[in-house]
Amino acid sequence: MANRYMLIGCDVMYREICLCAAHSKNIIDFKFMEKGLHDMGKKIMSETLQQAIDEVDTKKYNAILLCYGLCNYGVSGLSASIPMVIPKAHDCITLFLGSREAYADYFNNNPGTYYRTSGWLERGAYFGVDGKENTMSELGIAPGDDYSQYGEENAEYLKEILGNWTANYTKQTFIDTGVGDLAVYEAKVKAEAKNRGLAYERIKGDTSLIQRLVDGEWDTGEFLIIPPGNEIVATYDESIMSCR
């Protein structure tokens, strides 16, 4: 018999998660959390995810799958009364590229890269969570906006208080995970890169890590299995996270 899992994941990976679940032998139910949760800070992210975990009918599922990375420590402290499983990843880019090694290799050879995927384009820049928004979203401004549209004086002010987004980046990379209207997405990312004065590259993504998550193939080098009553803790080393 197939196992039944409840997957709680960021909706920036909505298409990729659904694709992998469709190919899995297991039965996967979903609860997608909005992308902007990542931008609300650790406290709000942790509290919101814990609430979602607490609402799971644990009698129905063999385990809870967390399709997240450490994500600015937003998963730290999470616990459940049934096993949970999470990829050992710093953030979702590892999940889009298939492994920590693939991400590290690209990152080391392409410093200053801003990543884009279909989900990042479809799900918007910033959204409020329960009415809570960060400074940029309150102003209706997303990272990379052309501030000049607000007038020269206002543009200088916005750069001063919000920081010039592009200062830390030299390249914009589109990760092609094979889902959605890729021609449209690539054209948009190319245009963004040109507008921001960044180099552009398109690379092939890899959803195999997500596939292994939903398939129950949890190698302990790639996944953390959190026993009931234990909580996720950051380790600040190559293992990224552990449990206690």
Protein backbone atom coordinates (compact mmCIF):
# COMPACT_ATOMS: atom_id res chain seq x y z
CA MET A 1 0.00 0.00 0.00
CA ALA A 2 1.15 3.52 -0.73
CA ASN A 3 2.05 5.80 2.15
CA ARG A 4 0.04 8.97 2.63
CA TYR A 5 1.97 12.15 3.37
CA MET A 6 0.95 15.71 4.09
CA LEU A 7 3.30 18.07 2.28
CA ILE A 8 3.61 21.63 3.53
CA GLY A 9 5.55 23.71 1.04
CA CYS A 10 6.24 27.13 -0.35
CA ASP A 11 4.05 27.95 -3.32
CA VAL A 12 7.10 29.18 -5.25
CA MET A 13 7.57 25.44 -5.93
CA TYR A 14 3.87 24.78 -6.65
CA ARG A 15 4.29 23.42 -10.19
CA GLU A 16 7.39 21.38 -9.39
CA ILE A 17 5.84 19.82 -6.28
CA CYS A 18 2.63 18.91 -8.08
CA LEU A 19 4.59 17.38 -10.97
CA CYS A 20 6.66 15.21 -8.63
CA ALA A 21 3.61 14.19 -6.60
CA ALA A 22 1.84 13.10 -9.79
CA HIS A 23 4.72 10.73 -10.54
CA SER A 24 4.98 9.37 -7.00
CA LYS A 25 3.64 6.00 -5.91
CA ASN A 26 2.65 7.62 -2.61
CA ILE A 27 -0.49 9.63 -1.87
CA ILE A 28 0.40 13.26 -1.30
CA ASP A 29 -1.91 15.89 0.14
CA PHE A 30 -0.80 19.52 0.08
CA LYS A 31 -0.85 22.71 2.04
CA PHE A 32 0.90 25.49 0.18
CA MET A 33 2.12 28.54 2.05
CA GLU A 34 2.49 31.83 0.23
CA LYS A 35 5.93 32.80 -1.02
CA GLY A 36 5.97 36.08 0.91
CA LEU A 37 6.13 34.17 4.19
CA HIS A 38 9.90 33.97 3.69
CA ASP A 39 10.10 37.77 3.82
CA MET A 40 8.21 38.19 7.09
CA GLY A 41 11.14 37.20 9.29
CA LYS A 42 11.95 34.08 11.28
CA LYS A 43 9.38 34.58 14.06
CA ILE A 44 6.37 35.00 11.80
CA MET A 45 7.51 32.28 9.41
CA SER A 46 8.11 29.78 12.21
CA GLU A 47 4.82 30.56 13.94
CA THR A 48 2.84 30.31 10.69
CA LEU A 49 4.45 27.01 9.69
CA GLN A 50 3.97 25.56 13.18
CA GLN A 51 0.29 26.47 13.04
CA ALA A 52 -0.01 24.67 9.68
CA ILE A 53 1.71 21.61 11.18
CA ASP A 54 -0.55 21.65 14.24
CA GLU A 55 -3.64 21.65 11.99
CA VAL A 56 -2.64 18.40 10.27
CA ASP A 57 -4.86 15.42 11.11
CA THR A 58 -1.96 13.20 12.14
CA LYS A 59 -4.12 10.05 12.20
CA LYS A 60 -4.37 10.22 8.41
CA TYR A 61 -0.67 10.49 7.55
CA ASN A 62 2.53 8.52 7.87
CA ALA A 63 4.64 11.69 7.97
CA ILE A 64 4.67 15.42 7.27
CA LEU A 65 6.94 16.53 4.42
CA LEU A 66 8.34 20.05 4.61
CA CYS A 67 9.29 21.28 1.15
CA TYR A 68 11.52 24.06 2.43
CA GLY A 69 15.14 24.73 3.14
CA LEU A 70 16.44 26.35 6.31
CA CYS A 71 15.16 29.60 4.78
CA ASN A 72 16.72 32.21 7.06
CA TYR A 73 16.09 29.88 10.01
CA GLY A 74 12.34 30.05 9.46
CA VAL A 75 12.00 26.27 10.00
CA SER A 76 14.02 26.26 13.23
CA GLY A 77 12.01 25.02 16.19
CA LEU A 78 9.32 23.24 14.17
CA SER A 79 8.03 19.99 15.65
CA ALA A 80 5.16 17.54 15.22
CA SER A 81 3.57 14.54 16.88
CA ILE A 82 4.37 12.36 13.85
CA PRO A 83 7.63 12.15 11.88
CA MET A 84 8.59 15.07 9.67
CA VAL A 85 11.04 15.08 6.78
CA ILE A 86 12.83 18.10 5.28
CA PRO A 87 15.63 18.43 2.71
CA LYS A 88 18.98 19.51 4.13
CA ALA A 89 19.12 22.74 2.16
CA HIS A 90 19.82 26.37 2.89
CA ASP A 91 17.02 27.56 0.62
CA CYS A 92 14.81 26.57 -2.29
CA ILE A 93 17.54 26.99 -4.92
CA THR A 94 18.95 23.65 -3.78
CA LEU A 95 15.55 22.09 -4.47
CA PHE A 96 15.40 23.69 -7.92
CA LEU A 97 18.90 22.42 -8.80
CA GLY A 98 18.57 18.92 -7.34
CA SER A 99 21.31 18.87 -4.69
CA ARG A 100 23.47 20.95 -2.39
CA GLU A 101 26.48 20.01 -4.50
CA ALA A 102 24.90 21.35 -7.70
CA TYR A 103 23.94 24.59 -5.98
CA ALA A 104 27.38 25.01 -4.40
CA ASP A 105 29.10 24.39 -7.71
CA TYR A 106 27.02 26.99 -9.54
CA PHE A 107 27.18 29.46 -6.66
CA ASN A 108 30.96 29.25 -6.40
CA ASN A 109 31.41 29.74 -10.13
CA ASN A 110 28.79 32.47 -10.43
CA PRO A 111 28.95 34.79 -7.41
CA GLY A 112 26.49 37.67 -7.33
CA THR A 113 23.68 35.73 -9.03
CA TYR A 114 19.98 36.47 -8.56
CA TYR A 115 17.85 33.41 -9.34
CA ARG A 116 14.44 33.29 -11.01
CA THR A 117 12.04 30.39 -11.70
CA SER A 118 8.50 30.04 -13.00
CA GLY A 119 7.17 30.14 -9.45
CA TRP A 120 9.07 33.31 -8.59
CA LEU A 121 7.46 34.97 -11.60
CA GLU A 122 3.95 33.58 -11.11
CA ARG A 123 3.70 34.09 -7.40
CA GLY A 124 4.72 37.73 -7.34
CA ALA A 125 7.41 39.55 -5.43
CA TYR A 126 5.96 40.11 -1.97
CA PHE A 127 2.65 39.26 -0.32
CA GLY A 128 1.35 40.04 3.14
CA VAL A 129 0.78 37.28 5.68
CA ASP A 130 -2.24 37.84 7.91
CA GLY A 131 -2.00 41.54 7.19
CA LYS A 132 1.69 41.72 8.06
CA GLU A 133 3.90 43.14 5.35
CA ASN A 134 7.48 44.30 5.10
CA THR A 135 8.47 47.85 4.25
CA MET A 136 8.81 47.30 0.52
CA SER A 137 5.49 45.54 0.10
CA GLU A 138 3.71 48.18 2.15
CA LEU A 139 4.98 50.73 -0.35
CA GLY A 140 4.00 48.52 -3.28
CA ILE A 141 7.65 48.14 -4.27
CA ALA A 142 9.42 44.89 -5.13
CA PRO A 143 13.18 44.26 -5.29
CA GLY A 144 14.53 45.29 -8.65
CA ASP A 145 11.79 47.81 -9.40
CA ASP A 146 12.81 50.68 -11.63
CA TYR A 147 12.72 53.39 -8.98
CA SER A 148 12.95 56.14 -11.62
CA GLN A 149 9.24 55.68 -12.28
CA TYR A 150 8.62 57.48 -8.98
CA GLY A 151 10.57 60.56 -10.06
CA GLU A 152 14.23 61.42 -9.71
CA GLU A 153 14.06 62.74 -6.15
CA ASN A 154 11.89 59.87 -4.91
CA ALA A 155 14.09 57.34 -6.71
CA GLU A 156 17.16 58.57 -4.85
CA TYR A 157 15.26 58.46 -1.57
CA LEU A 158 14.08 54.88 -2.19
CA LYS A 159 17.58 53.75 -3.04
CA GLU A 160 18.84 55.34 0.15
CA ILE A 161 16.29 53.82 2.57
CA LEU A 162 15.75 50.47 0.86
CA GLY A 163 19.19 49.91 -0.59
CA ASN A 164 20.07 49.48 -4.23
CA TRP A 165 19.05 45.89 -4.92
CA THR A 166 21.35 45.49 -7.92
CA ALA A 167 24.48 46.53 -6.04
CA ASN A 168 25.06 42.98 -4.85
CA TYR A 169 24.29 41.23 -8.14
CA THR A 170 26.01 40.93 -11.50
CA LYS A 171 23.92 38.17 -13.09
CA GLN A 172 20.32 37.05 -13.29
CA THR A 173 19.81 33.32 -13.89
CA PHE A 174 16.60 31.63 -14.97
CA ILE A 175 16.33 28.05 -13.70
CA ASP A 176 14.38 25.98 -16.22
CA THR A 177 12.62 23.21 -14.31
CA GLY A 178 10.56 22.21 -17.34
CA VAL A 179 7.20 23.52 -16.15
CA GLY A 180 4.98 26.35 -17.38
CA ASP A 181 5.32 28.57 -20.42
CA LEU A 182 9.10 28.66 -20.53
CA ALA A 183 9.35 30.97 -23.54
CA VAL A 184 7.29 33.62 -21.78
CA TYR A 185 9.19 33.24 -18.51
CA GLU A 186 12.57 33.43 -20.17
CA ALA A 187 11.62 36.54 -22.11
CA LYS A 188 10.53 38.22 -18.89
CA VAL A 189 13.71 37.31 -17.02
CA LYS A 190 15.86 38.46 -19.95
CA ALA A 191 14.04 41.79 -19.95
CA GLU A 192 14.50 42.14 -16.17
CA ALA A 193 18.22 41.42 -16.48
CA LYS A 194 18.63 43.96 -19.25
CA ASN A 195 16.71 46.61 -17.31
CA ARG A 196 18.89 46.03 -14.26
CA GLY A 197 22.14 45.94 -16.21
CA LEU A 198 22.80 42.31 -15.27
CA ALA A 199 24.20 39.45 -17.29
CA TYR A 200 21.70 36.72 -18.15
CA GLU A 201 21.91 32.95 -18.18
CA ARG A 202 19.43 30.11 -18.45
CA ILE A 203 20.32 26.82 -16.76
CA LYS A 204 18.62 23.45 -16.53
CA GLY A 205 16.93 22.72 -13.23
CA ASP A 206 16.55 19.36 -11.53
CA THR A 207 13.50 18.35 -9.50
CA SER A 208 14.91 14.99 -8.40
CA LEU A 209 15.38 16.10 -4.78
CA ILE A 210 11.68 16.99 -4.56
CA GLN A 211 10.87 13.69 -6.22
CA ARG A 212 12.85 11.76 -3.63
CA LEU A 213 11.09 13.70 -0.88
CA VAL A 214 7.61 12.66 -2.04
CA ASP A 215 8.75 9.14 -2.96
CA GLY A 216 9.99 8.49 0.57
CA GLU A 217 13.60 7.96 -0.54
CA TRP A 218 15.13 9.77 2.40
CA ASP A 219 18.88 9.32 2.36
CA THR A 220 20.11 10.85 5.60
CA GLY A 221 22.79 12.75 3.72
CA GLU A 222 20.07 14.65 1.84
CA PHE A 223 17.15 14.67 4.27
CA LEU A 224 16.58 15.27 7.95
CA ILE A 225 14.03 12.94 9.54
CA ILE A 226 12.59 14.55 12.66
CA PRO A 227 11.13 12.03 15.16
CA PRO A 228 7.87 12.91 16.93
CA GLY A 229 8.42 15.45 19.69
CA ASN A 230 11.81 16.57 18.35
CA GLU A 231 12.38 19.99 16.79
CA ILE A 232 14.50 21.28 13.92
CA VAL A 233 17.68 23.14 14.85
CA ALA A 234 20.26 24.86 12.67
CA THR A 235 23.76 23.41 12.95
CA TYR A 236 25.80 26.18 11.29
CA ASP A 237 27.91 23.61 9.46
CA GLU A 238 27.76 21.48 6.31
CA SER A 239 24.88 19.39 7.66
CA ILE A 240 22.79 22.62 7.75
CA MET A 241 20.22 21.29 10.22
CA SER A 242 19.66 18.63 12.83
CA CYS A 243 17.00 17.84 15.45
CA ARG A 244 16.75 17.71 19.23
